[in-house]
């Protein structure tokens, strides 16, 4: 990322941070920016989150480690990360109508982690997300071993956890990422 791109991204992140102070009470942007500027690989991940429609923002400050946690805060599941099977095994198991990829590999390539159910529920405490879409969440190995995968959404003003075959994919299902900086 060149200097102009870096400055544009930092400007976007700062503006979003300042507009949504309720997501990160008692967090100082200058400290976030200092950590970002010392972590070019994290900036690349945030650029990927941004370019795929995630609208990443700080949602937590881990005081023990000093890390800030960015999460996709777009109203709906990021548009550039939809129509994906859950993982490589599920993608390879499809005989026809294969999607372009899988959530776990795209998350790894971006340098982010797919949200856990707990992280997803915590995000929903900060706003209203996924009222028309859904998002894959990390799935326990025992469920995945049996062919399933988990996803969440918000309907009827409640957050729901569901299951589906991991090989399934939908135009309205993507994933939200988390990044520790």
C-alpha atoms as a PDB file:
ATOM      1  CA  UNK A   1       0.000   0.000   0.000  1.00  0.00           C
ATOM      2  CA  UNK A   2       1.496   3.331  -0.995  1.00  0.00           C
ATOM      3  CA  UNK A   3       1.466   6.438   1.224  1.00  0.00           C
ATOM      4  CA  UNK A   4      -1.564   7.962  -0.520  1.00  0.00           C
ATOM      5  CA  UNK A   5      -3.632   4.771  -0.071  1.00  0.00           C
ATOM      6  CA  UNK A   6      -2.523   4.455   3.558  1.00  0.00           C
ATOM      7  CA  UNK A   7      -3.540   8.042   4.331  1.00  0.00           C
ATOM      8  CA  UNK A   8      -6.917   7.593   2.605  1.00  0.00           C
ATOM      9  CA  UNK A   9      -7.599   4.422   4.598  1.00  0.00           C
ATOM     10  CA  UNK A  10      -6.574   6.032   7.882  1.00  0.00           C
ATOM     11  CA  UNK A  11      -8.832   8.985   7.064  1.00  0.00           C
ATOM     12  CA  UNK A  12     -11.780   6.674   6.405  1.00  0.00           C
ATOM     13  CA  UNK A  13     -11.160   4.713   9.608  1.00  0.00           C
ATOM     14  CA  UNK A  14     -10.772   7.896  11.687  1.00  0.00           C
ATOM     15  CA  UNK A  15     -13.979   9.369  10.291  1.00  0.00           C
ATOM     16  CA  UNK A  16     -15.922   6.169  11.026  1.00  0.00           C
ATOM     17  CA  UNK A  17     -14.364   6.013  14.499  1.00  0.00           C
ATOM     18  CA  UNK A  18     -15.419   9.589  15.289  1.00  0.00           C
ATOM     19  CA  UNK A  19     -18.925   9.091  13.877  1.00  0.00           C
ATOM     20  CA  UNK A  20     -19.570   5.964  15.963  1.00  0.00           C
ATOM     21  CA  UNK A  21     -18.106   6.765  19.379  1.00  0.00           C
ATOM     22  CA  UNK A  22     -20.678   4.535  21.092  1.00  0.00           C
ATOM     23  CA  UNK A  23     -18.848   1.493  19.735  1.00  0.00           C
ATOM     24  CA  UNK A  24     -15.622   2.323  21.557  1.00  0.00           C
ATOM     25  CA  UNK A  25     -16.159   4.486  24.607  1.00  0.00           C
ATOM     26  CA  UNK A  26     -12.974   5.701  26.295  1.00  0.00           C
ATOM     27  CA  UNK A  27     -10.742   4.803  23.313  1.00  0.00           C
ATOM     28  CA  UNK A  28      -8.408   7.493  21.966  1.00  0.00           C
ATOM     29  CA  UNK A  29      -8.017   7.533  18.169  1.00  0.00           C
ATOM     30  CA  UNK A  30      -4.375   8.688  18.406  1.00  0.00           C
ATOM     31  CA  UNK A  31      -3.491   5.433  20.203  1.00  0.00           C
ATOM     32  CA  UNK A  32      -5.332   3.380  17.594  1.00  0.00           C
ATOM     33  CA  UNK A  33      -3.586   5.249  14.781  1.00  0.00           C
ATOM     34  CA  UNK A  34      -0.167   4.763  16.379  1.00  0.00           C
ATOM     35  CA  UNK A  35      -0.713   0.995  16.514  1.00  0.00           C
ATOM     36  CA  UNK A  36      -1.950   0.974  12.923  1.00  0.00           C
ATOM     37  CA  UNK A  37       1.007   2.953  11.638  1.00  0.00           C
ATOM     38  CA  UNK A  38       3.402   0.488  13.258  1.00  0.00           C
ATOM     39  CA  UNK A  39       1.605  -2.510  11.692  1.00  0.00           C
ATOM     40  CA  UNK A  40       1.557  -2.328   7.885  1.00  0.00           C
ATOM     41  CA  UNK A  41       0.230  -5.905   7.615  1.00  0.00           C
ATOM     42  CA  UNK A  42      -2.762  -4.932   9.781  1.00  0.00           C
ATOM     43  CA  UNK A  43      -3.405  -1.936   7.546  1.00  0.00           C
ATOM     44  CA  UNK A  44      -3.447  -4.274   4.550  1.00  0.00           C
ATOM     45  CA  UNK A  45      -6.042  -6.440   6.315  1.00  0.00           C
ATOM     46  CA  UNK A  46      -8.155  -3.392   7.132  1.00  0.00           C
ATOM     47  CA  UNK A  47      -7.902  -2.282   3.501  1.00  0.00           C
ATOM     48  CA  UNK A  48      -9.231  -5.711   2.475  1.00  0.00           C
ATOM     49  CA  UNK A  49     -12.058  -5.446   5.007  1.00  0.00           C
ATOM     50  CA  UNK A  50     -12.901  -1.999   3.648  1.00  0.00           C
ATOM     51  CA  UNK A  51     -12.677  -2.911  -0.049  1.00  0.00           C
ATOM     52  CA  UNK A  52     -15.046  -5.851   0.396  1.00  0.00           C
ATOM     53  CA  UNK A  53     -17.659  -3.670   2.084  1.00  0.00           C
ATOM     54  CA  UNK A  54     -17.016  -4.473   5.739  1.00  0.00           C
ATOM     55  CA  UNK A  55     -16.762  -0.928   7.121  1.00  0.00           C
ATOM     56  CA  UNK A  56     -14.350  -1.995   9.916  1.00  0.00           C
ATOM     57  CA  UNK A  57     -14.392  -0.084  13.183  1.00  0.00           C
ATOM     58  CA  UNK A  58     -12.897  -0.465  16.662  1.00  0.00           C
ATOM     59  CA  UNK A  59     -15.319  -2.317  18.926  1.00  0.00           C
ATOM     60  CA  UNK A  60     -13.067  -3.363  21.803  1.00  0.00           C
ATOM     61  CA  UNK A  61      -9.835  -2.417  23.542  1.00  0.00           C
ATOM     62  CA  UNK A  62      -8.027  -5.306  25.214  1.00  0.00           C
ATOM     63  CA  UNK A  63      -6.392  -3.425  28.059  1.00  0.00           C
ATOM     64  CA  UNK A  64      -4.227  -6.408  29.006  1.00  0.00           C
ATOM     65  CA  UNK A  65      -2.541  -6.740  25.605  1.00  0.00           C
ATOM     66  CA  UNK A  66      -3.118  -3.139  24.511  1.00  0.00           C
ATOM     67  CA  UNK A  67      -4.693  -4.384  21.300  1.00  0.00           C
ATOM     68  CA  UNK A  68      -7.663  -2.779  19.605  1.00  0.00           C
ATOM     69  CA  UNK A  69     -10.153  -5.123  17.937  1.00  0.00           C
ATOM     70  CA  UNK A  70     -11.654  -4.046  14.634  1.00  0.00           C
ATOM     71  CA  UNK A  71     -14.826  -5.771  13.417  1.00  0.00           C
ATOM     72  CA  UNK A  72     -16.872  -5.386  10.240  1.00  0.00           C
ATOM     73  CA  UNK A  73     -19.652  -2.961  11.156  1.00  0.00           C
ATOM     74  CA  UNK A  74     -21.469  -2.744   7.821  1.00  0.00           C
ATOM     75  CA  UNK A  75     -25.246  -2.854   8.249  1.00  0.00           C
ATOM     76  CA  UNK A  76     -25.426  -6.081   6.242  1.00  0.00           C
ATOM     77  CA  UNK A  77     -22.918  -8.881   5.730  1.00  0.00           C
ATOM     78  CA  UNK A  78     -20.093  -7.443   3.579  1.00  0.00           C
ATOM     79  CA  UNK A  79     -21.194  -7.581  -0.048  1.00  0.00           C
ATOM     80  CA  UNK A  80     -17.737  -8.561  -1.327  1.00  0.00           C
ATOM     81  CA  UNK A  81     -17.721 -11.664   0.899  1.00  0.00           C
ATOM     82  CA  UNK A  82     -21.037 -13.318   0.117  1.00  0.00           C
ATOM     83  CA  UNK A  83     -22.003 -16.458  -1.809  1.00  0.00           C
ATOM     84  CA  UNK A  84     -19.253 -18.539  -0.214  1.00  0.00           C
ATOM     85  CA  UNK A  85     -19.250 -22.072   1.190  1.00  0.00           C
ATOM     86  CA  UNK A  86     -17.956 -22.311   4.743  1.00  0.00           C
ATOM     87  CA  UNK A  87     -14.547 -23.960   4.146  1.00  0.00           C
ATOM     88  CA  UNK A  88     -12.365 -25.752   1.574  1.00  0.00           C
ATOM     89  CA  UNK A  89     -13.740 -29.200   2.403  1.00  0.00           C
ATOM     90  CA  UNK A  90     -17.281 -27.984   1.787  1.00  0.00           C
ATOM     91  CA  UNK A  91     -16.281 -26.240  -1.445  1.00  0.00           C
ATOM     92  CA  UNK A  92     -14.519 -29.350  -2.740  1.00  0.00           C
ATOM     93  CA  UNK A  93     -17.559 -31.497  -1.899  1.00  0.00           C
ATOM     94  CA  UNK A  94     -19.803 -29.553  -4.279  1.00  0.00           C
ATOM     95  CA  UNK A  95     -20.175 -31.390  -7.575  1.00  0.00           C
ATOM     96  CA  UNK A  96     -21.908 -28.563  -9.444  1.00  0.00           C
ATOM     97  CA  UNK A  97     -22.805 -24.903  -9.077  1.00  0.00           C
ATOM     98  CA  UNK A  98     -19.661 -24.228  -7.073  1.00  0.00           C
ATOM     99  CA  UNK A  99     -19.278 -20.742  -5.624  1.00  0.00           C
ATOM    100  CA  UNK A 100     -16.086 -18.796  -6.225  1.00  0.00           C
ATOM    101  CA  UNK A 101     -14.600 -19.675  -2.856  1.00  0.00           C
ATOM    102  CA  UNK A 102     -15.041 -20.319   0.829  1.00  0.00           C
ATOM    103  CA  UNK A 103     -15.258 -18.103   3.884  1.00  0.00           C
ATOM    104  CA  UNK A 104     -12.399 -19.607   5.898  1.00  0.00           C
ATOM    105  CA  UNK A 105      -9.846 -19.283   3.086  1.00  0.00           C
ATOM    106  CA  UNK A 106     -10.883 -15.748   2.192  1.00  0.00           C
ATOM    107  CA  UNK A 107     -10.675 -14.728   5.869  1.00  0.00           C
ATOM    108  CA  UNK A 108      -7.191 -16.244   6.135  1.00  0.00           C
ATOM    109  CA  UNK A 109      -6.068 -14.501   2.926  1.00  0.00           C
ATOM    110  CA  UNK A 110      -7.347 -11.207   4.329  1.00  0.00           C
ATOM    111  CA  UNK A 111      -5.556 -11.810   7.644  1.00  0.00           C
ATOM    112  CA  UNK A 112      -8.772 -11.726   9.715  1.00  0.00           C
ATOM    113  CA  UNK A 113     -10.695 -14.214  11.811  1.00  0.00           C
ATOM    114  CA  UNK A 114     -14.330 -15.097  11.239  1.00  0.00           C
ATOM    115  CA  UNK A 115     -16.372 -13.912  14.202  1.00  0.00           C
ATOM    116  CA  UNK A 116     -17.298 -16.342  16.935  1.00  0.00           C
ATOM    117  CA  UNK A 117     -20.925 -16.529  18.016  1.00  0.00           C
ATOM    118  CA  UNK A 118     -20.009 -14.543  21.132  1.00  0.00           C
ATOM    119  CA  UNK A 119     -18.301 -11.814  19.104  1.00  0.00           C
ATOM    120  CA  UNK A 120     -21.281 -11.681  16.759  1.00  0.00           C
ATOM    121  CA  UNK A 121     -23.695 -11.262  19.674  1.00  0.00           C
ATOM    122  CA  UNK A 122     -21.448  -8.578  21.204  1.00  0.00           C
ATOM    123  CA  UNK A 123     -21.459  -6.699  17.880  1.00  0.00           C
ATOM    124  CA  UNK A 124     -25.257  -6.791  17.889  1.00  0.00           C
ATOM    125  CA  UNK A 125     -25.192  -4.996  21.254  1.00  0.00           C
ATOM    126  CA  UNK A 126     -23.575  -2.029  19.475  1.00  0.00           C
ATOM    127  CA  UNK A 127     -26.157  -1.687  16.719  1.00  0.00           C
ATOM    128  CA  UNK A 128     -28.516  -3.516  14.400  1.00  0.00           C
ATOM    129  CA  UNK A 129     -26.738  -5.720  11.858  1.00  0.00           C
ATOM    130  CA  UNK A 130     -27.738  -8.418   9.347  1.00  0.00           C
ATOM    131  CA  UNK A 131     -31.472  -7.732   9.216  1.00  0.00           C
ATOM    132  CA  UNK A 132     -31.574  -8.809   5.545  1.00  0.00           C
ATOM    133  CA  UNK A 133     -28.426 -10.956   5.345  1.00  0.00           C
ATOM    134  CA  UNK A 134     -26.647 -13.544   7.479  1.00  0.00           C
ATOM    135  CA  UNK A 135     -23.027 -14.219   8.406  1.00  0.00           C
ATOM    136  CA  UNK A 136     -21.084 -17.447   8.856  1.00  0.00           C
ATOM    137  CA  UNK A 137     -19.544 -17.724  12.340  1.00  0.00           C
ATOM    138  CA  UNK A 138     -16.808 -20.002  13.661  1.00  0.00           C
ATOM    139  CA  UNK A 139     -18.116 -23.537  13.972  1.00  0.00           C
ATOM    140  CA  UNK A 140     -17.098 -26.116  16.588  1.00  0.00           C
ATOM    141  CA  UNK A 141     -15.127 -29.043  15.120  1.00  0.00           C
ATOM    142  CA  UNK A 142     -17.754 -31.596  16.241  1.00  0.00           C
ATOM    143  CA  UNK A 143     -20.451 -29.841  14.185  1.00  0.00           C
ATOM    144  CA  UNK A 144     -18.138 -29.330  11.224  1.00  0.00           C
ATOM    145  CA  UNK A 145     -17.095 -33.012  11.310  1.00  0.00           C
ATOM    146  CA  UNK A 146     -20.735 -33.941  10.763  1.00  0.00           C
ATOM    147  CA  UNK A 147     -20.989 -31.628   7.734  1.00  0.00           C
ATOM    148  CA  UNK A 148     -22.593 -28.605   9.366  1.00  0.00           C
ATOM    149  CA  UNK A 149     -21.623 -25.001   9.837  1.00  0.00           C
ATOM    150  CA  UNK A 150     -23.126 -22.159  11.872  1.00  0.00           C
ATOM    151  CA  UNK A 151     -24.365 -18.730  10.893  1.00  0.00           C
ATOM    152  CA  UNK A 152     -26.144 -15.858  12.606  1.00  0.00           C
ATOM    153  CA  UNK A 153     -28.492 -13.058  11.704  1.00  0.00           C
ATOM    154  CA  UNK A 154     -30.904 -10.629  13.315  1.00  0.00           C
ATOM    155  CA  UNK A 155     -34.636 -11.015  12.767  1.00  0.00           C
ATOM    156  CA  UNK A 156     -37.611  -9.850  14.835  1.00  0.00           C
ATOM    157  CA  UNK A 157     -35.184  -7.772  16.909  1.00  0.00           C
ATOM    158  CA  UNK A 158     -33.464 -10.969  18.117  1.00  0.00           C
ATOM    159  CA  UNK A 159     -30.095 -12.501  17.221  1.00  0.00           C
ATOM    160  CA  UNK A 160     -30.400 -16.080  15.987  1.00  0.00           C
ATOM    161  CA  UNK A 161     -27.831 -18.838  15.622  1.00  0.00           C
ATOM    162  CA  UNK A 162     -28.619 -21.394  12.911  1.00  0.00           C
ATOM    163  CA  UNK A 163     -27.021 -24.339  11.179  1.00  0.00           C
ATOM    164  CA  UNK A 164     -26.705 -25.288   7.541  1.00  0.00           C
ATOM    165  CA  UNK A 165     -24.713 -27.725   5.492  1.00  0.00           C
ATOM    166  CA  UNK A 166     -21.238 -26.212   5.220  1.00  0.00           C
ATOM    167  CA  UNK A 167     -21.333 -26.664   1.442  1.00  0.00           C
ATOM    168  CA  UNK A 168     -24.365 -24.355   1.134  1.00  0.00           C
ATOM    169  CA  UNK A 169     -24.019 -20.794  -0.045  1.00  0.00           C
ATOM    170  CA  UNK A 170     -26.444 -17.949  -0.516  1.00  0.00           C
ATOM    171  CA  UNK A 171     -26.295 -14.535  -2.131  1.00  0.00           C
ATOM    172  CA  UNK A 172     -27.276 -13.017   1.211  1.00  0.00           C
ATOM    173  CA  UNK A 173     -24.765 -14.916   3.399  1.00  0.00           C
ATOM    174  CA  UNK A 174     -21.208 -13.800   3.929  1.00  0.00           C
ATOM    175  CA  UNK A 175     -18.951 -13.453   6.926  1.00  0.00           C
ATOM    176  CA  UNK A 176     -17.765 -10.739   9.264  1.00  0.00           C
ATOM    177  CA  UNK A 177     -14.135 -10.530  10.283  1.00  0.00           C
ATOM    178  CA  UNK A 178     -12.268  -9.486  13.397  1.00  0.00           C
ATOM    179  CA  UNK A 179      -8.751  -8.077  13.460  1.00  0.00           C
ATOM    180  CA  UNK A 180      -6.566  -7.482  16.517  1.00  0.00           C
ATOM    181  CA  UNK A 181      -4.210  -4.514  16.129  1.00  0.00           C
END
